[in-house]
């Protein structure tokens, strides 16, 4: 889910900017007023992605569904409007 968010954020930042790291992407997103509404969703997905990859955290089906419905879907809806797709 996190990488769906990464690609959508990158699409919003293009063609003027193309972040090379997650830290740079987060910084650019912080200052882009179009992305203000999705900052917390992006951050939550990034944190849970890190938990899965580096902490080997196992997520329940309910947590995965909550992340999808409460974090990813609102982010996608907003960024699709921004991108007009």
C-alpha atoms as a PDB file:
ATOM      1  CA  UNK A   1       0.000   0.000   0.000  1.00  0.00           C
ATOM      2  CA  UNK A   2       2.795   2.388   0.839  1.00  0.00           C
ATOM      3  CA  UNK A   3       4.287   2.180  -2.632  1.00  0.00           C
ATOM      4  CA  UNK A   4       0.935   3.055  -4.214  1.00  0.00           C
ATOM      5  CA  UNK A   5       1.135   6.237  -2.141  1.00  0.00           C
ATOM      6  CA  UNK A   6       4.770   6.780  -3.179  1.00  0.00           C
ATOM      7  CA  UNK A   7       3.899   6.606  -6.871  1.00  0.00           C
ATOM      8  CA  UNK A   8       0.932   8.940  -6.526  1.00  0.00           C
ATOM      9  CA  UNK A   9       2.956  11.490  -4.538  1.00  0.00           C
ATOM     10  CA  UNK A  10       5.732  11.288  -7.134  1.00  0.00           C
ATOM     11  CA  UNK A  11       3.207  11.850  -9.915  1.00  0.00           C
ATOM     12  CA  UNK A  12       1.998  14.989  -8.159  1.00  0.00           C
ATOM     13  CA  UNK A  13       5.538  16.285  -7.726  1.00  0.00           C
ATOM     14  CA  UNK A  14       6.526  15.582 -11.338  1.00  0.00           C
ATOM     15  CA  UNK A  15       7.783  17.008 -13.622  1.00  0.00           C
ATOM     16  CA  UNK A  16       9.297  19.769 -11.466  1.00  0.00           C
ATOM     17  CA  UNK A  17      10.685  17.507  -8.746  1.00  0.00           C
ATOM     18  CA  UNK A  18      11.630  13.867  -8.466  1.00  0.00           C
ATOM     19  CA  UNK A  19      12.666  12.820  -4.964  1.00  0.00           C
ATOM     20  CA  UNK A  20      15.401  10.241  -4.703  1.00  0.00           C
ATOM     21  CA  UNK A  21      14.688   9.204  -1.104  1.00  0.00           C
ATOM     22  CA  UNK A  22      11.689   8.797   1.162  1.00  0.00           C
ATOM     23  CA  UNK A  23      13.047  11.599   3.367  1.00  0.00           C
ATOM     24  CA  UNK A  24      13.243  13.961   0.402  1.00  0.00           C
ATOM     25  CA  UNK A  25       9.741  12.951  -0.753  1.00  0.00           C
ATOM     26  CA  UNK A  26       8.340  13.600   2.729  1.00  0.00           C
ATOM     27  CA  UNK A  27      10.018  17.033   2.822  1.00  0.00           C
ATOM     28  CA  UNK A  28       8.707  18.005  -0.623  1.00  0.00           C
ATOM     29  CA  UNK A  29       5.211  16.766   0.232  1.00  0.00           C
ATOM     30  CA  UNK A  30       5.257  18.776   3.461  1.00  0.00           C
ATOM     31  CA  UNK A  31       5.739  22.034   1.555  1.00  0.00           C
ATOM     32  CA  UNK A  32       3.401  21.313  -1.366  1.00  0.00           C
ATOM     33  CA  UNK A  33      -0.021  22.777  -0.492  1.00  0.00           C
ATOM     34  CA  UNK A  34      -1.781  20.283  -2.801  1.00  0.00           C
ATOM     35  CA  UNK A  35      -0.536  17.447  -0.601  1.00  0.00           C
ATOM     36  CA  UNK A  36      -1.427  18.943   2.775  1.00  0.00           C
ATOM     37  CA  UNK A  37      -4.562  16.785   3.089  1.00  0.00           C
ATOM     38  CA  UNK A  38      -2.693  13.508   2.632  1.00  0.00           C
ATOM     39  CA  UNK A  39       0.397  14.041   4.780  1.00  0.00           C
ATOM     40  CA  UNK A  40      -0.916  12.081   7.747  1.00  0.00           C
ATOM     41  CA  UNK A  41      -2.180   9.232   5.529  1.00  0.00           C
ATOM     42  CA  UNK A  42       1.180   9.022   3.756  1.00  0.00           C
ATOM     43  CA  UNK A  43       3.083   9.075   7.048  1.00  0.00           C
ATOM     44  CA  UNK A  44       0.940   6.315   8.553  1.00  0.00           C
ATOM     45  CA  UNK A  45       1.419   4.077   5.509  1.00  0.00           C
ATOM     46  CA  UNK A  46       5.153   4.769   5.575  1.00  0.00           C
ATOM     47  CA  UNK A  47       5.391   3.855   9.267  1.00  0.00           C
ATOM     48  CA  UNK A  48       3.416   0.629   8.841  1.00  0.00           C
ATOM     49  CA  UNK A  49       5.549  -0.293   5.815  1.00  0.00           C
ATOM     50  CA  UNK A  50       8.645   0.196   7.931  1.00  0.00           C
ATOM     51  CA  UNK A  51       7.115  -1.949  10.688  1.00  0.00           C
ATOM     52  CA  UNK A  52       6.490  -4.768   8.226  1.00  0.00           C
ATOM     53  CA  UNK A  53       9.888  -4.621   6.538  1.00  0.00           C
ATOM     54  CA  UNK A  54      12.258  -3.917   9.404  1.00  0.00           C
ATOM     55  CA  UNK A  55      10.392  -5.029  12.507  1.00  0.00           C
ATOM     56  CA  UNK A  56       8.803  -8.079  10.821  1.00  0.00           C
ATOM     57  CA  UNK A  57       5.497  -7.079  12.364  1.00  0.00           C
ATOM     58  CA  UNK A  58       2.599  -9.305  11.413  1.00  0.00           C
ATOM     59  CA  UNK A  59      -0.602  -7.413  10.659  1.00  0.00           C
ATOM     60  CA  UNK A  60      -4.065  -8.765  11.278  1.00  0.00           C
ATOM     61  CA  UNK A  61      -6.546  -8.822   8.423  1.00  0.00           C
ATOM     62  CA  UNK A  62      -8.515  -6.133  10.257  1.00  0.00           C
ATOM     63  CA  UNK A  63      -5.491  -3.820  10.512  1.00  0.00           C
ATOM     64  CA  UNK A  64      -4.735  -4.268   6.812  1.00  0.00           C
ATOM     65  CA  UNK A  65      -8.342  -3.438   5.939  1.00  0.00           C
ATOM     66  CA  UNK A  66      -8.267  -0.396   8.225  1.00  0.00           C
ATOM     67  CA  UNK A  67      -5.052   0.842   6.616  1.00  0.00           C
ATOM     68  CA  UNK A  68      -6.610   0.405   3.186  1.00  0.00           C
ATOM     69  CA  UNK A  69      -9.916   2.094   3.982  1.00  0.00           C
ATOM     70  CA  UNK A  70      -8.745   4.806   6.385  1.00  0.00           C
ATOM     71  CA  UNK A  71      -5.318   5.697   4.973  1.00  0.00           C
ATOM     72  CA  UNK A  72      -4.816   4.510   1.400  1.00  0.00           C
ATOM     73  CA  UNK A  73      -8.267   5.157  -0.067  1.00  0.00           C
ATOM     74  CA  UNK A  74      -8.573   8.772   1.159  1.00  0.00           C
ATOM     75  CA  UNK A  75      -5.041   9.443  -0.111  1.00  0.00           C
ATOM     76  CA  UNK A  76      -5.860   7.930  -3.505  1.00  0.00           C
ATOM     77  CA  UNK A  77      -9.124   9.853  -3.827  1.00  0.00           C
ATOM     78  CA  UNK A  78      -7.482  13.178  -3.086  1.00  0.00           C
ATOM     79  CA  UNK A  79      -4.415  12.636  -5.267  1.00  0.00           C
ATOM     80  CA  UNK A  80      -6.520  11.410  -8.202  1.00  0.00           C
ATOM     81  CA  UNK A  81      -8.438  14.687  -8.007  1.00  0.00           C
ATOM     82  CA  UNK A  82      -5.159  16.619  -7.879  1.00  0.00           C
ATOM     83  CA  UNK A  83      -3.855  14.650 -10.886  1.00  0.00           C
ATOM     84  CA  UNK A  84      -7.242  14.740 -12.656  1.00  0.00           C
ATOM     85  CA  UNK A  85      -7.221  10.981 -13.242  1.00  0.00           C
END
